[in-house]
């Protein structure tokens, strides 16, 4: 296992239009054995950051330390040796289309100087880990997108990395396949203790598998911490927008969405804790205050392996007891935040 320290990192590029600041004073600590998400909208600097972690991009300022060793202090040969401990998987798989699945996984092993017999034995073991032992003789064009990504993961594991960087690794996959790939990454993290960094623009990916997350906007880390904390208590508008998109693009949530019959009232988002999930909180709220509450949306979500209930509620427009009702919900142990953006 390896820990990653990113300290005051900045990266600028020169373009025809002048200087572009892709990253600005980024500092992140990624603990050994963690699954850490880095999320942001398009152009936030996510991919530049992940390329700085393994020095495919050299930072303009700042440091990247792996287990306390600063990558900028290494010679070229030392840096190449260090990169063997850092595996990468990408959105478009980057497989050798003219080679079989087995030979794709063997490729980095051959580069390491392994014999064909050694390489094929290890490659077969890795394909079994990713659930593709029976596809050794197939070619990438014969595989689904999810299967190709599994081959790419097996190939990344061939060098026994301590760190696995995933740059939008599920963006080209459908939701069901994405979930299966995230489950595989979670198993790899658990079974091998590999530190995993996931770059994504999808809150659903972070929510499902990551323990910690940093949110980037225009090259700046604007919020970071435990995924469960940010999901329940987002502090920035960008975090709220990412959560809102996660909710509104979820097909189960859309099926459950109800058109509001209470016009113009305050809208809030509530997240149930483990204790409050077993109590009829909304029913008790209505009985206590003798006012109707509209449930616009409701769902249960997997947040880092823990089920969390979530609702979007709307109060009556002219209610005089809205603040008291919000206080009641907080007293019941729920996370409560204003959420006007969820209005139809």
C-alpha atoms as a PDB file:
ATOM      1  CA  UNK A   1       0.000   0.000   0.000  1.00  0.00           C
ATOM      2  CA  UNK A   2       1.147   3.543  -0.728  1.00  0.00           C
ATOM      3  CA  UNK A   3       0.069   6.982   0.410  1.00  0.00           C
ATOM      4  CA  UNK A   4       0.047  10.045  -1.830  1.00  0.00           C
ATOM      5  CA  UNK A   5       0.721  13.608  -0.699  1.00  0.00           C
ATOM      6  CA  UNK A   6       0.004  16.432  -3.143  1.00  0.00           C
ATOM      7  CA  UNK A   7       1.332  19.720  -1.772  1.00  0.00           C
ATOM      8  CA  UNK A   8       0.620  23.176  -3.198  1.00  0.00           C
ATOM      9  CA  UNK A   9       0.604  21.798  -6.728  1.00  0.00           C
ATOM     10  CA  UNK A  10       0.038  24.124  -9.682  1.00  0.00           C
ATOM     11  CA  UNK A  11       0.194  23.419 -13.395  1.00  0.00           C
ATOM     12  CA  UNK A  12       0.171  26.001 -16.177  1.00  0.00           C
ATOM     13  CA  UNK A  13       0.183  25.513 -19.941  1.00  0.00           C
ATOM     14  CA  UNK A  14       1.124  27.952 -22.669  1.00  0.00           C
ATOM     15  CA  UNK A  15      -1.367  28.246 -25.509  1.00  0.00           C
ATOM     16  CA  UNK A  16      -1.935  30.555 -28.454  1.00  0.00           C
ATOM     17  CA  UNK A  17      -4.324  32.521 -26.239  1.00  0.00           C
ATOM     18  CA  UNK A  18      -1.816  32.872 -23.408  1.00  0.00           C
ATOM     19  CA  UNK A  19      -1.221  31.074 -20.105  1.00  0.00           C
ATOM     20  CA  UNK A  20      -3.780  28.515 -18.918  1.00  0.00           C
ATOM     21  CA  UNK A  21      -3.802  27.699 -15.205  1.00  0.00           C
ATOM     22  CA  UNK A  22      -5.049  24.105 -15.146  1.00  0.00           C
ATOM     23  CA  UNK A  23      -4.319  23.555 -11.429  1.00  0.00           C
ATOM     24  CA  UNK A  24      -3.936  26.172  -8.705  1.00  0.00           C
ATOM     25  CA  UNK A  25      -2.326  25.402  -5.339  1.00  0.00           C
ATOM     26  CA  UNK A  26      -3.849  21.914  -4.972  1.00  0.00           C
ATOM     27  CA  UNK A  27      -3.101  20.071  -1.719  1.00  0.00           C
ATOM     28  CA  UNK A  28      -4.564  16.587  -1.113  1.00  0.00           C
ATOM     29  CA  UNK A  29      -3.614  13.750   1.235  1.00  0.00           C
ATOM     30  CA  UNK A  30      -4.574  10.249   0.058  1.00  0.00           C
ATOM     31  CA  UNK A  31      -4.102   7.617   2.740  1.00  0.00           C
ATOM     32  CA  UNK A  32      -2.568   4.242   2.028  1.00  0.00           C
ATOM     33  CA  UNK A  33      -5.227   1.729   0.992  1.00  0.00           C
ATOM     34  CA  UNK A  34      -7.928   4.360   0.409  1.00  0.00           C
ATOM     35  CA  UNK A  35     -10.302   4.645  -2.541  1.00  0.00           C
ATOM     36  CA  UNK A  36     -10.164   8.379  -3.247  1.00  0.00           C
ATOM     37  CA  UNK A  37     -12.372  10.207  -5.727  1.00  0.00           C
ATOM     38  CA  UNK A  38     -11.445  13.382  -7.586  1.00  0.00           C
ATOM     39  CA  UNK A  39     -14.540  14.880  -9.178  1.00  0.00           C
ATOM     40  CA  UNK A  40     -15.451  17.991 -11.101  1.00  0.00           C
ATOM     41  CA  UNK A  41     -17.186  19.281 -14.197  1.00  0.00           C
ATOM     42  CA  UNK A  42     -15.496  19.231 -17.599  1.00  0.00           C
ATOM     43  CA  UNK A  43     -12.409  21.452 -17.587  1.00  0.00           C
ATOM     44  CA  UNK A  44     -11.981  21.362 -13.810  1.00  0.00           C
ATOM     45  CA  UNK A  45      -8.419  19.999 -14.091  1.00  0.00           C
ATOM     46  CA  UNK A  46      -9.074  16.376 -13.046  1.00  0.00           C
ATOM     47  CA  UNK A  47      -7.127  14.642 -15.798  1.00  0.00           C
ATOM     48  CA  UNK A  48      -4.220  17.079 -15.472  1.00  0.00           C
ATOM     49  CA  UNK A  49      -4.071  16.282 -11.760  1.00  0.00           C
ATOM     50  CA  UNK A  50      -4.022  12.524 -12.275  1.00  0.00           C
ATOM     51  CA  UNK A  51      -1.219  12.885 -14.852  1.00  0.00           C
ATOM     52  CA  UNK A  52       0.763  14.920 -12.330  1.00  0.00           C
ATOM     53  CA  UNK A  53       0.418  12.147  -9.750  1.00  0.00           C
ATOM     54  CA  UNK A  54       2.644   9.870 -11.849  1.00  0.00           C
ATOM     55  CA  UNK A  55       4.627  12.747 -13.411  1.00  0.00           C
ATOM     56  CA  UNK A  56       3.359  12.179 -16.942  1.00  0.00           C
ATOM     57  CA  UNK A  57       2.840  15.925 -16.496  1.00  0.00           C
ATOM     58  CA  UNK A  58       5.523  17.726 -14.489  1.00  0.00           C
ATOM     59  CA  UNK A  59       3.949  20.244 -12.072  1.00  0.00           C
ATOM     60  CA  UNK A  60       4.810  23.899 -12.594  1.00  0.00           C
ATOM     61  CA  UNK A  61       4.978  24.311  -8.828  1.00  0.00           C
ATOM     62  CA  UNK A  62       4.502  22.122  -5.775  1.00  0.00           C
ATOM     63  CA  UNK A  63       5.272  18.518  -4.905  1.00  0.00           C
ATOM     64  CA  UNK A  64       3.928  15.000  -5.343  1.00  0.00           C
ATOM     65  CA  UNK A  65       5.162  12.540  -2.727  1.00  0.00           C
ATOM     66  CA  UNK A  66       4.630   8.783  -2.802  1.00  0.00           C
ATOM     67  CA  UNK A  67       5.322   7.249   0.611  1.00  0.00           C
ATOM     68  CA  UNK A  68       7.258  10.391   1.524  1.00  0.00           C
ATOM     69  CA  UNK A  69       9.475  10.406  -1.588  1.00  0.00           C
ATOM     70  CA  UNK A  70       9.118  13.459  -3.832  1.00  0.00           C
ATOM     71  CA  UNK A  71       8.791  12.444  -7.485  1.00  0.00           C
ATOM     72  CA  UNK A  72      10.522  15.589  -8.709  1.00  0.00           C
ATOM     73  CA  UNK A  73      13.729  14.506  -6.972  1.00  0.00           C
ATOM     74  CA  UNK A  74      14.036  11.320  -9.046  1.00  0.00           C
ATOM     75  CA  UNK A  75      16.220  10.873 -12.117  1.00  0.00           C
ATOM     76  CA  UNK A  76      14.511   9.696 -15.322  1.00  0.00           C
ATOM     77  CA  UNK A  77      15.471   6.080 -14.675  1.00  0.00           C
ATOM     78  CA  UNK A  78      14.341   6.273 -11.041  1.00  0.00           C
ATOM     79  CA  UNK A  79      11.055   7.811 -12.146  1.00  0.00           C
ATOM     80  CA  UNK A  80      10.473   4.993 -14.643  1.00  0.00           C
ATOM     81  CA  UNK A  81      11.077   2.483 -11.862  1.00  0.00           C
ATOM     82  CA  UNK A  82       8.634   4.337  -9.592  1.00  0.00           C
ATOM     83  CA  UNK A  83       5.954   4.304 -12.297  1.00  0.00           C
ATOM     84  CA  UNK A  84       5.952   0.496 -12.190  1.00  0.00           C
ATOM     85  CA  UNK A  85       4.225   0.891  -8.829  1.00  0.00           C
ATOM     86  CA  UNK A  86       1.489   3.041 -10.388  1.00  0.00           C
ATOM     87  CA  UNK A  87      -1.034   1.358 -12.684  1.00  0.00           C
ATOM     88  CA  UNK A  88      -3.425   3.317 -14.904  1.00  0.00           C
ATOM     89  CA  UNK A  89      -6.734   2.562 -16.575  1.00  0.00           C
ATOM     90  CA  UNK A  90      -8.472   4.898 -19.013  1.00  0.00           C
ATOM     91  CA  UNK A  91     -11.877   5.676 -20.471  1.00  0.00           C
ATOM     92  CA  UNK A  92     -11.122   4.094 -23.865  1.00  0.00           C
ATOM     93  CA  UNK A  93      -9.273   1.002 -22.577  1.00  0.00           C
ATOM     94  CA  UNK A  94      -6.148   1.459 -24.793  1.00  0.00           C
ATOM     95  CA  UNK A  95      -5.925  -2.243 -25.642  1.00  0.00           C
ATOM     96  CA  UNK A  96      -3.849  -3.739 -28.467  1.00  0.00           C
ATOM     97  CA  UNK A  97      -6.628  -4.680 -30.882  1.00  0.00           C
ATOM     98  CA  UNK A  98      -4.473  -7.104 -32.896  1.00  0.00           C
ATOM     99  CA  UNK A  99      -3.490  -9.080 -29.784  1.00  0.00           C
ATOM    100  CA  UNK A 100      -5.534 -11.619 -27.844  1.00  0.00           C
ATOM    101  CA  UNK A 101      -6.854 -10.854 -24.359  1.00  0.00           C
ATOM    102  CA  UNK A 102      -4.102 -12.991 -22.844  1.00  0.00           C
ATOM    103  CA  UNK A 103      -1.376 -11.254 -24.843  1.00  0.00           C
ATOM    104  CA  UNK A 104      -2.705  -7.826 -23.872  1.00  0.00           C
ATOM    105  CA  UNK A 105      -2.220  -8.707 -20.212  1.00  0.00           C
ATOM    106  CA  UNK A 106       1.165 -10.293 -20.958  1.00  0.00           C
ATOM    107  CA  UNK A 107       2.464  -7.150 -22.663  1.00  0.00           C
ATOM    108  CA  UNK A 108       3.755  -5.310 -19.542  1.00  0.00           C
ATOM    109  CA  UNK A 109       5.149  -8.582 -18.219  1.00  0.00           C
ATOM    110  CA  UNK A 110       7.224  -9.047 -21.363  1.00  0.00           C
ATOM    111  CA  UNK A 111       8.544  -5.496 -20.917  1.00  0.00           C
ATOM    112  CA  UNK A 112       9.608  -6.485 -17.399  1.00  0.00           C
ATOM    113  CA  UNK A 113      11.629  -9.349 -18.887  1.00  0.00           C
ATOM    114  CA  UNK A 114       9.341 -12.226 -17.887  1.00  0.00           C
ATOM    115  CA  UNK A 115       9.525 -15.356 -19.976  1.00  0.00           C
ATOM    116  CA  UNK A 116       6.529 -16.248 -22.131  1.00  0.00           C
ATOM    117  CA  UNK A 117       5.651 -19.103 -19.772  1.00  0.00           C
ATOM    118  CA  UNK A 118       5.858 -16.895 -16.659  1.00  0.00           C
ATOM    119  CA  UNK A 119       3.923 -14.067 -18.301  1.00  0.00           C
ATOM    120  CA  UNK A 120       1.113 -16.294 -19.552  1.00  0.00           C
ATOM    121  CA  UNK A 121       0.754 -18.006 -16.185  1.00  0.00           C
ATOM    122  CA  UNK A 122       0.439 -14.701 -14.345  1.00  0.00           C
ATOM    123  CA  UNK A 123      -1.808 -13.191 -17.026  1.00  0.00           C
ATOM    124  CA  UNK A 124      -4.193 -16.138 -16.741  1.00  0.00           C
ATOM    125  CA  UNK A 125      -4.321 -15.664 -12.949  1.00  0.00           C
ATOM    126  CA  UNK A 126      -5.111 -11.968 -13.377  1.00  0.00           C
ATOM    127  CA  UNK A 127      -7.845 -12.702 -15.915  1.00  0.00           C
ATOM    128  CA  UNK A 128      -9.417 -15.065 -13.421  1.00  0.00           C
ATOM    129  CA  UNK A 129      -9.387 -12.257 -10.811  1.00  0.00           C
ATOM    130  CA  UNK A 130     -11.275  -9.943 -13.182  1.00  0.00           C
ATOM    131  CA  UNK A 131     -13.698 -12.671 -14.255  1.00  0.00           C
ATOM    132  CA  UNK A 132     -12.406 -13.275 -17.802  1.00  0.00           C
ATOM    133  CA  UNK A 133     -10.460 -16.521 -17.510  1.00  0.00           C
ATOM    134  CA  UNK A 134     -12.544 -18.030 -20.328  1.00  0.00           C
ATOM    135  CA  UNK A 135     -11.804 -15.118 -22.707  1.00  0.00           C
ATOM    136  CA  UNK A 136      -8.024 -15.591 -22.965  1.00  0.00           C
ATOM    137  CA  UNK A 137      -8.072 -16.377 -26.682  1.00  0.00           C
ATOM    138  CA  UNK A 138     -10.630 -13.722 -27.618  1.00  0.00           C
ATOM    139  CA  UNK A 139      -9.676 -10.425 -29.244  1.00  0.00           C
ATOM    140  CA  UNK A 140     -10.785  -7.018 -27.899  1.00  0.00           C
ATOM    141  CA  UNK A 141     -13.211  -6.478 -30.795  1.00  0.00           C
ATOM    142  CA  UNK A 142     -15.125  -9.559 -29.633  1.00  0.00           C
ATOM    143  CA  UNK A 143     -15.669  -8.148 -26.134  1.00  0.00           C
ATOM    144  CA  UNK A 144     -18.183  -5.775 -24.611  1.00  0.00           C
ATOM    145  CA  UNK A 145     -17.037  -2.425 -23.216  1.00  0.00           C
ATOM    146  CA  UNK A 146     -17.161  -3.758 -19.676  1.00  0.00           C
ATOM    147  CA  UNK A 147     -15.109  -6.809 -20.625  1.00  0.00           C
ATOM    148  CA  UNK A 148     -12.504  -4.635 -22.348  1.00  0.00           C
ATOM    149  CA  UNK A 149     -12.200  -2.523 -19.208  1.00  0.00           C
ATOM    150  CA  UNK A 150     -11.705  -5.701 -17.171  1.00  0.00           C
ATOM    151  CA  UNK A 151      -8.836  -6.662 -19.489  1.00  0.00           C
ATOM    152  CA  UNK A 152      -7.361  -3.185 -18.999  1.00  0.00           C
ATOM    153  CA  UNK A 153      -7.616  -3.625 -15.211  1.00  0.00           C
ATOM    154  CA  UNK A 154      -5.904  -7.020 -15.396  1.00  0.00           C
ATOM    155  CA  UNK A 155      -3.136  -5.467 -17.506  1.00  0.00           C
ATOM    156  CA  UNK A 156      -2.727  -2.628 -15.003  1.00  0.00           C
ATOM    157  CA  UNK A 157      -2.367  -5.184 -12.188  1.00  0.00           C
ATOM    158  CA  UNK A 158       0.330  -7.117 -14.044  1.00  0.00           C
ATOM    159  CA  UNK A 159       3.158  -5.016 -12.619  1.00  0.00           C
ATOM    160  CA  UNK A 160       1.900  -5.496  -9.020  1.00  0.00           C
ATOM    161  CA  UNK A 161       1.200  -1.789  -8.509  1.00  0.00           C
ATOM    162  CA  UNK A 162       0.704  -0.213  -5.115  1.00  0.00           C
ATOM    163  CA  UNK A 163      -1.406   2.576  -6.659  1.00  0.00           C
ATOM    164  CA  UNK A 164      -4.100   2.363  -9.349  1.00  0.00           C
ATOM    165  CA  UNK A 165      -5.136   5.572 -11.148  1.00  0.00           C
ATOM    166  CA  UNK A 166      -8.498   5.420 -12.934  1.00  0.00           C
ATOM    167  CA  UNK A 167      -9.053   8.315 -15.355  1.00  0.00           C
ATOM    168  CA  UNK A 168     -12.786   8.376 -16.256  1.00  0.00           C
ATOM    169  CA  UNK A 169     -12.569   4.573 -16.398  1.00  0.00           C
ATOM    170  CA  UNK A 170     -16.343   4.062 -16.432  1.00  0.00           C
ATOM    171  CA  UNK A 171     -17.461   7.045 -18.536  1.00  0.00           C
ATOM    172  CA  UNK A 172     -17.929   4.960 -21.692  1.00  0.00           C
ATOM    173  CA  UNK A 173     -19.985   2.284 -19.901  1.00  0.00           C
ATOM    174  CA  UNK A 174     -23.692   1.909 -19.164  1.00  0.00           C
ATOM    175  CA  UNK A 175     -24.843   2.195 -15.517  1.00  0.00           C
ATOM    176  CA  UNK A 176     -25.123  -1.545 -14.870  1.00  0.00           C
ATOM    177  CA  UNK A 177     -21.666  -2.246 -16.309  1.00  0.00           C
ATOM    178  CA  UNK A 178     -20.267   0.720 -14.377  1.00  0.00           C
ATOM    179  CA  UNK A 179     -21.546  -0.783 -11.126  1.00  0.00           C
ATOM    180  CA  UNK A 180     -19.890  -4.121 -11.904  1.00  0.00           C
ATOM    181  CA  UNK A 181     -16.545  -2.410 -12.654  1.00  0.00           C
ATOM    182  CA  UNK A 182     -16.754  -0.367  -9.447  1.00  0.00           C
ATOM    183  CA  UNK A 183     -17.511  -3.540  -7.503  1.00  0.00           C
ATOM    184  CA  UNK A 184     -14.420  -5.137  -9.057  1.00  0.00           C
ATOM    185  CA  UNK A 185     -12.269  -2.144  -8.077  1.00  0.00           C
ATOM    186  CA  UNK A 186     -13.647  -2.342  -4.546  1.00  0.00           C
ATOM    187  CA  UNK A 187     -12.736  -6.032  -4.375  1.00  0.00           C
ATOM    188  CA  UNK A 188      -9.219  -5.334  -5.658  1.00  0.00           C
ATOM    189  CA  UNK A 189      -8.768  -2.623  -3.053  1.00  0.00           C
ATOM    190  CA  UNK A 190      -9.979  -4.954  -0.295  1.00  0.00           C
ATOM    191  CA  UNK A 191      -8.084  -8.060  -1.390  1.00  0.00           C
ATOM    192  CA  UNK A 192      -4.768  -6.473  -2.410  1.00  0.00           C
ATOM    193  CA  UNK A 193      -4.697  -3.249  -0.399  1.00  0.00           C
ATOM    194  CA  UNK A 194      -4.021  -1.158  -3.505  1.00  0.00           C
ATOM    195  CA  UNK A 195      -4.551   2.594  -3.114  1.00  0.00           C
ATOM    196  CA  UNK A 196      -7.068   3.611  -5.800  1.00  0.00           C
ATOM    197  CA  UNK A 197      -7.627   7.127  -7.166  1.00  0.00           C
ATOM    198  CA  UNK A 198     -10.752   7.559  -9.295  1.00  0.00           C
ATOM    199  CA  UNK A 199     -11.090  10.579 -11.595  1.00  0.00           C
ATOM    200  CA  UNK A 200     -14.688  11.161 -12.642  1.00  0.00           C
ATOM    201  CA  UNK A 201     -17.369  13.739 -13.393  1.00  0.00           C
ATOM    202  CA  UNK A 202     -20.109  11.488 -11.999  1.00  0.00           C
ATOM    203  CA  UNK A 203     -21.162  11.732  -8.353  1.00  0.00           C
ATOM    204  CA  UNK A 204     -22.746   8.273  -8.677  1.00  0.00           C
ATOM    205  CA  UNK A 205     -19.257   6.754  -9.167  1.00  0.00           C
ATOM    206  CA  UNK A 206     -17.824   8.544  -6.133  1.00  0.00           C
ATOM    207  CA  UNK A 207     -20.887   7.742  -4.044  1.00  0.00           C
ATOM    208  CA  UNK A 208     -20.785   4.046  -4.846  1.00  0.00           C
ATOM    209  CA  UNK A 209     -17.149   3.146  -4.227  1.00  0.00           C
ATOM    210  CA  UNK A 210     -15.030   6.012  -2.824  1.00  0.00           C
ATOM    211  CA  UNK A 211     -14.369   6.710   0.861  1.00  0.00           C
ATOM    212  CA  UNK A 212     -12.953  10.223   0.434  1.00  0.00           C
ATOM    213  CA  UNK A 213     -13.402  12.805  -2.305  1.00  0.00           C
ATOM    214  CA  UNK A 214     -11.968  16.128  -3.480  1.00  0.00           C
ATOM    215  CA  UNK A 215     -14.144  18.387  -5.626  1.00  0.00           C
ATOM    216  CA  UNK A 216     -12.330  20.483  -8.232  1.00  0.00           C
ATOM    217  CA  UNK A 217     -13.562  23.658  -9.891  1.00  0.00           C
ATOM    218  CA  UNK A 218     -11.394  25.565 -12.358  1.00  0.00           C
ATOM    219  CA  UNK A 219      -8.247  23.909 -11.024  1.00  0.00           C
ATOM    220  CA  UNK A 220      -8.992  24.590  -7.349  1.00  0.00           C
ATOM    221  CA  UNK A 221     -10.039  22.107  -4.641  1.00  0.00           C
ATOM    222  CA  UNK A 222     -13.199  23.709  -3.274  1.00  0.00           C
ATOM    223  CA  UNK A 223     -14.390  20.895  -1.002  1.00  0.00           C
ATOM    224  CA  UNK A 224     -12.953  17.628   0.300  1.00  0.00           C
ATOM    225  CA  UNK A 225     -13.596  15.026   2.959  1.00  0.00           C
ATOM    226  CA  UNK A 226     -15.519  11.816   3.599  1.00  0.00           C
ATOM    227  CA  UNK A 227     -17.973  11.001   0.808  1.00  0.00           C
ATOM    228  CA  UNK A 228     -20.698  10.290   3.373  1.00  0.00           C
ATOM    229  CA  UNK A 229     -20.221  13.738   4.944  1.00  0.00           C
ATOM    230  CA  UNK A 230     -20.280  15.603   1.626  1.00  0.00           C
ATOM    231  CA  UNK A 231     -23.296  13.605   0.445  1.00  0.00           C
ATOM    232  CA  UNK A 232     -25.195  14.503   3.638  1.00  0.00           C
ATOM    233  CA  UNK A 233     -23.870  18.058   4.163  1.00  0.00           C
ATOM    234  CA  UNK A 234     -22.519  19.571   0.911  1.00  0.00           C
ATOM    235  CA  UNK A 235     -20.931  22.953   1.632  1.00  0.00           C
ATOM    236  CA  UNK A 236     -20.488  24.334  -1.879  1.00  0.00           C
ATOM    237  CA  UNK A 237     -22.810  24.963  -4.801  1.00  0.00           C
ATOM    238  CA  UNK A 238     -20.681  22.687  -7.024  1.00  0.00           C
ATOM    239  CA  UNK A 239     -21.157  19.766  -4.613  1.00  0.00           C
ATOM    240  CA  UNK A 240     -24.906  20.396  -4.504  1.00  0.00           C
ATOM    241  CA  UNK A 241     -25.062  20.517  -8.300  1.00  0.00           C
ATOM    242  CA  UNK A 242     -23.182  17.202  -8.626  1.00  0.00           C
ATOM    243  CA  UNK A 243     -25.555  15.573  -6.133  1.00  0.00           C
ATOM    244  CA  UNK A 244     -28.571  17.074  -7.912  1.00  0.00           C
ATOM    245  CA  UNK A 245     -27.425  15.669 -11.275  1.00  0.00           C
ATOM    246  CA  UNK A 246     -26.920  12.278  -9.642  1.00  0.00           C
ATOM    247  CA  UNK A 247     -30.510  12.337  -8.409  1.00  0.00           C
ATOM    248  CA  UNK A 248     -32.140  13.699 -11.563  1.00  0.00           C
ATOM    249  CA  UNK A 249     -30.392  11.248 -13.923  1.00  0.00           C
ATOM    250  CA  UNK A 250     -31.274   8.194 -11.805  1.00  0.00           C
ATOM    251  CA  UNK A 251     -34.078   6.289 -13.621  1.00  0.00           C
ATOM    252  CA  UNK A 252     -35.565   4.894 -10.420  1.00  0.00           C
ATOM    253  CA  UNK A 253     -35.787   8.379  -8.957  1.00  0.00           C
ATOM    254  CA  UNK A 254     -37.385   9.697 -12.128  1.00  0.00           C
ATOM    255  CA  UNK A 255     -40.054   6.989 -12.016  1.00  0.00           C
ATOM    256  CA  UNK A 256     -40.826   7.923  -8.417  1.00  0.00           C
ATOM    257  CA  UNK A 257     -40.916  11.678  -9.062  1.00  0.00           C
ATOM    258  CA  UNK A 258     -44.246  13.340  -8.338  1.00  0.00           C
ATOM    259  CA  UNK A 259     -45.470  16.633  -9.768  1.00  0.00           C
ATOM    260  CA  UNK A 260     -45.929  19.107  -6.946  1.00  0.00           C
ATOM    261  CA  UNK A 261     -49.469  19.890  -5.812  1.00  0.00           C
ATOM    262  CA  UNK A 262     -48.157  22.401  -3.267  1.00  0.00           C
ATOM    263  CA  UNK A 263     -47.191  25.426  -5.322  1.00  0.00           C
ATOM    264  CA  UNK A 264     -44.302  27.713  -4.395  1.00  0.00           C
ATOM    265  CA  UNK A 265     -43.356  26.248  -1.013  1.00  0.00           C
ATOM    266  CA  UNK A 266     -39.834  25.839   0.363  1.00  0.00           C
ATOM    267  CA  UNK A 267     -38.004  22.754  -0.930  1.00  0.00           C
ATOM    268  CA  UNK A 268     -35.485  20.860   1.197  1.00  0.00           C
ATOM    269  CA  UNK A 269     -33.311  17.791   0.769  1.00  0.00           C
ATOM    270  CA  UNK A 270     -33.060  15.405   3.718  1.00  0.00           C
ATOM    271  CA  UNK A 271     -30.737  12.446   4.234  1.00  0.00           C
ATOM    272  CA  UNK A 272     -31.624   9.740   6.726  1.00  0.00           C
ATOM    273  CA  UNK A 273     -29.032   8.475   9.191  1.00  0.00           C
ATOM    274  CA  UNK A 274     -28.850   4.767  10.084  1.00  0.00           C
ATOM    275  CA  UNK A 275     -30.967   5.351  13.199  1.00  0.00           C
ATOM    276  CA  UNK A 276     -33.606   7.634  11.682  1.00  0.00           C
ATOM    277  CA  UNK A 277     -34.110   5.299   8.697  1.00  0.00           C
ATOM    278  CA  UNK A 278     -36.163   2.944  10.864  1.00  0.00           C
ATOM    279  CA  UNK A 279     -38.551   5.631  12.155  1.00  0.00           C
ATOM    280  CA  UNK A 280     -41.680   7.011  10.406  1.00  0.00           C
ATOM    281  CA  UNK A 281     -40.186  10.509  10.497  1.00  0.00           C
ATOM    282  CA  UNK A 282     -42.324  12.124   7.785  1.00  0.00           C
ATOM    283  CA  UNK A 283     -45.558  10.644   9.103  1.00  0.00           C
ATOM    284  CA  UNK A 284     -44.683  11.866  12.608  1.00  0.00           C
ATOM    285  CA  UNK A 285     -43.812  15.309  11.192  1.00  0.00           C
ATOM    286  CA  UNK A 286     -47.235  15.655   9.564  1.00  0.00           C
ATOM    287  CA  UNK A 287     -49.026  14.407  12.681  1.00  0.00           C
ATOM    288  CA  UNK A 288     -47.068  16.763  14.933  1.00  0.00           C
ATOM    289  CA  UNK A 289     -47.545  19.935  12.892  1.00  0.00           C
ATOM    290  CA  UNK A 290     -50.862  19.094  11.231  1.00  0.00           C
ATOM    291  CA  UNK A 291     -49.630  20.338   7.854  1.00  0.00           C
ATOM    292  CA  UNK A 292     -49.203  18.437   4.584  1.00  0.00           C
ATOM    293  CA  UNK A 293     -45.715  17.872   3.160  1.00  0.00           C
ATOM    294  CA  UNK A 294     -45.149  16.966  -0.463  1.00  0.00           C
ATOM    295  CA  UNK A 295     -42.573  14.237  -1.233  1.00  0.00           C
ATOM    296  CA  UNK A 296     -41.149  15.217  -4.627  1.00  0.00           C
ATOM    297  CA  UNK A 297     -38.584  12.437  -4.777  1.00  0.00           C
ATOM    298  CA  UNK A 298     -37.400   9.592  -2.581  1.00  0.00           C
ATOM    299  CA  UNK A 299     -34.686   6.997  -2.971  1.00  0.00           C
ATOM    300  CA  UNK A 300     -32.153   4.856  -1.172  1.00  0.00           C
ATOM    301  CA  UNK A 301     -28.562   5.278  -2.305  1.00  0.00           C
ATOM    302  CA  UNK A 302     -25.355   3.355  -1.824  1.00  0.00           C
ATOM    303  CA  UNK A 303     -22.824   5.758  -0.281  1.00  0.00           C
ATOM    304  CA  UNK A 304     -19.496   3.993   0.220  1.00  0.00           C
ATOM    305  CA  UNK A 305     -21.217   0.666   0.807  1.00  0.00           C
ATOM    306  CA  UNK A 306     -23.767   2.090   3.272  1.00  0.00           C
ATOM    307  CA  UNK A 307     -27.431   2.565   2.312  1.00  0.00           C
ATOM    308  CA  UNK A 308     -28.646   6.123   2.884  1.00  0.00           C
ATOM    309  CA  UNK A 309     -32.224   7.252   2.469  1.00  0.00           C
ATOM    310  CA  UNK A 310     -32.799  10.539   0.665  1.00  0.00           C
ATOM    311  CA  UNK A 311     -35.910  12.662   0.080  1.00  0.00           C
ATOM    312  CA  UNK A 312     -36.782  15.953  -1.568  1.00  0.00           C
ATOM    313  CA  UNK A 313     -39.637  17.579   0.377  1.00  0.00           C
ATOM    314  CA  UNK A 314     -41.769  20.646  -0.281  1.00  0.00           C
ATOM    315  CA  UNK A 315     -43.707  22.626   2.338  1.00  0.00           C
ATOM    316  CA  UNK A 316     -46.897  24.630   1.793  1.00  0.00           C
ATOM    317  CA  UNK A 317     -46.213  28.075   0.358  1.00  0.00           C
ATOM    318  CA  UNK A 318     -47.832  30.040   3.190  1.00  0.00           C
ATOM    319  CA  UNK A 319     -46.873  27.759   6.068  1.00  0.00           C
ATOM    320  CA  UNK A 320     -45.925  29.628   9.247  1.00  0.00           C
ATOM    321  CA  UNK A 321     -44.226  26.567  10.701  1.00  0.00           C
ATOM    322  CA  UNK A 322     -41.625  25.735   8.045  1.00  0.00           C
ATOM    323  CA  UNK A 323     -38.638  26.614  10.214  1.00  0.00           C
ATOM    324  CA  UNK A 324     -40.025  24.644  13.158  1.00  0.00           C
ATOM    325  CA  UNK A 325     -40.591  21.645  10.883  1.00  0.00           C
ATOM    326  CA  UNK A 326     -37.004  21.838   9.583  1.00  0.00           C
ATOM    327  CA  UNK A 327     -35.760  22.015  13.178  1.00  0.00           C
ATOM    328  CA  UNK A 328     -37.876  18.967  14.029  1.00  0.00           C
ATOM    329  CA  UNK A 329     -36.296  16.976  11.202  1.00  0.00           C
ATOM    330  CA  UNK A 330     -32.799  17.936  12.386  1.00  0.00           C
ATOM    331  CA  UNK A 331     -33.718  16.901  15.932  1.00  0.00           C
ATOM    332  CA  UNK A 332     -34.699  13.513  14.508  1.00  0.00           C
ATOM    333  CA  UNK A 333     -31.106  13.074  13.289  1.00  0.00           C
ATOM    334  CA  UNK A 334     -31.622  13.939   9.611  1.00  0.00           C
ATOM    335  CA  UNK A 335     -29.326  16.062   7.478  1.00  0.00           C
ATOM    336  CA  UNK A 336     -31.404  18.983   6.193  1.00  0.00           C
ATOM    337  CA  UNK A 337     -30.453  21.504   3.504  1.00  0.00           C
ATOM    338  CA  UNK A 338     -32.303  24.067   1.418  1.00  0.00           C
ATOM    339  CA  UNK A 339     -32.751  22.758  -2.133  1.00  0.00           C
ATOM    340  CA  UNK A 340     -34.712  25.156  -4.371  1.00  0.00           C
ATOM    341  CA  UNK A 341     -32.886  23.754  -7.418  1.00  0.00           C
ATOM    342  CA  UNK A 342     -35.007  20.571  -7.216  1.00  0.00           C
ATOM    343  CA  UNK A 343     -38.189  22.420  -8.137  1.00  0.00           C
ATOM    344  CA  UNK A 344     -39.893  21.290 -11.338  1.00  0.00           C
END
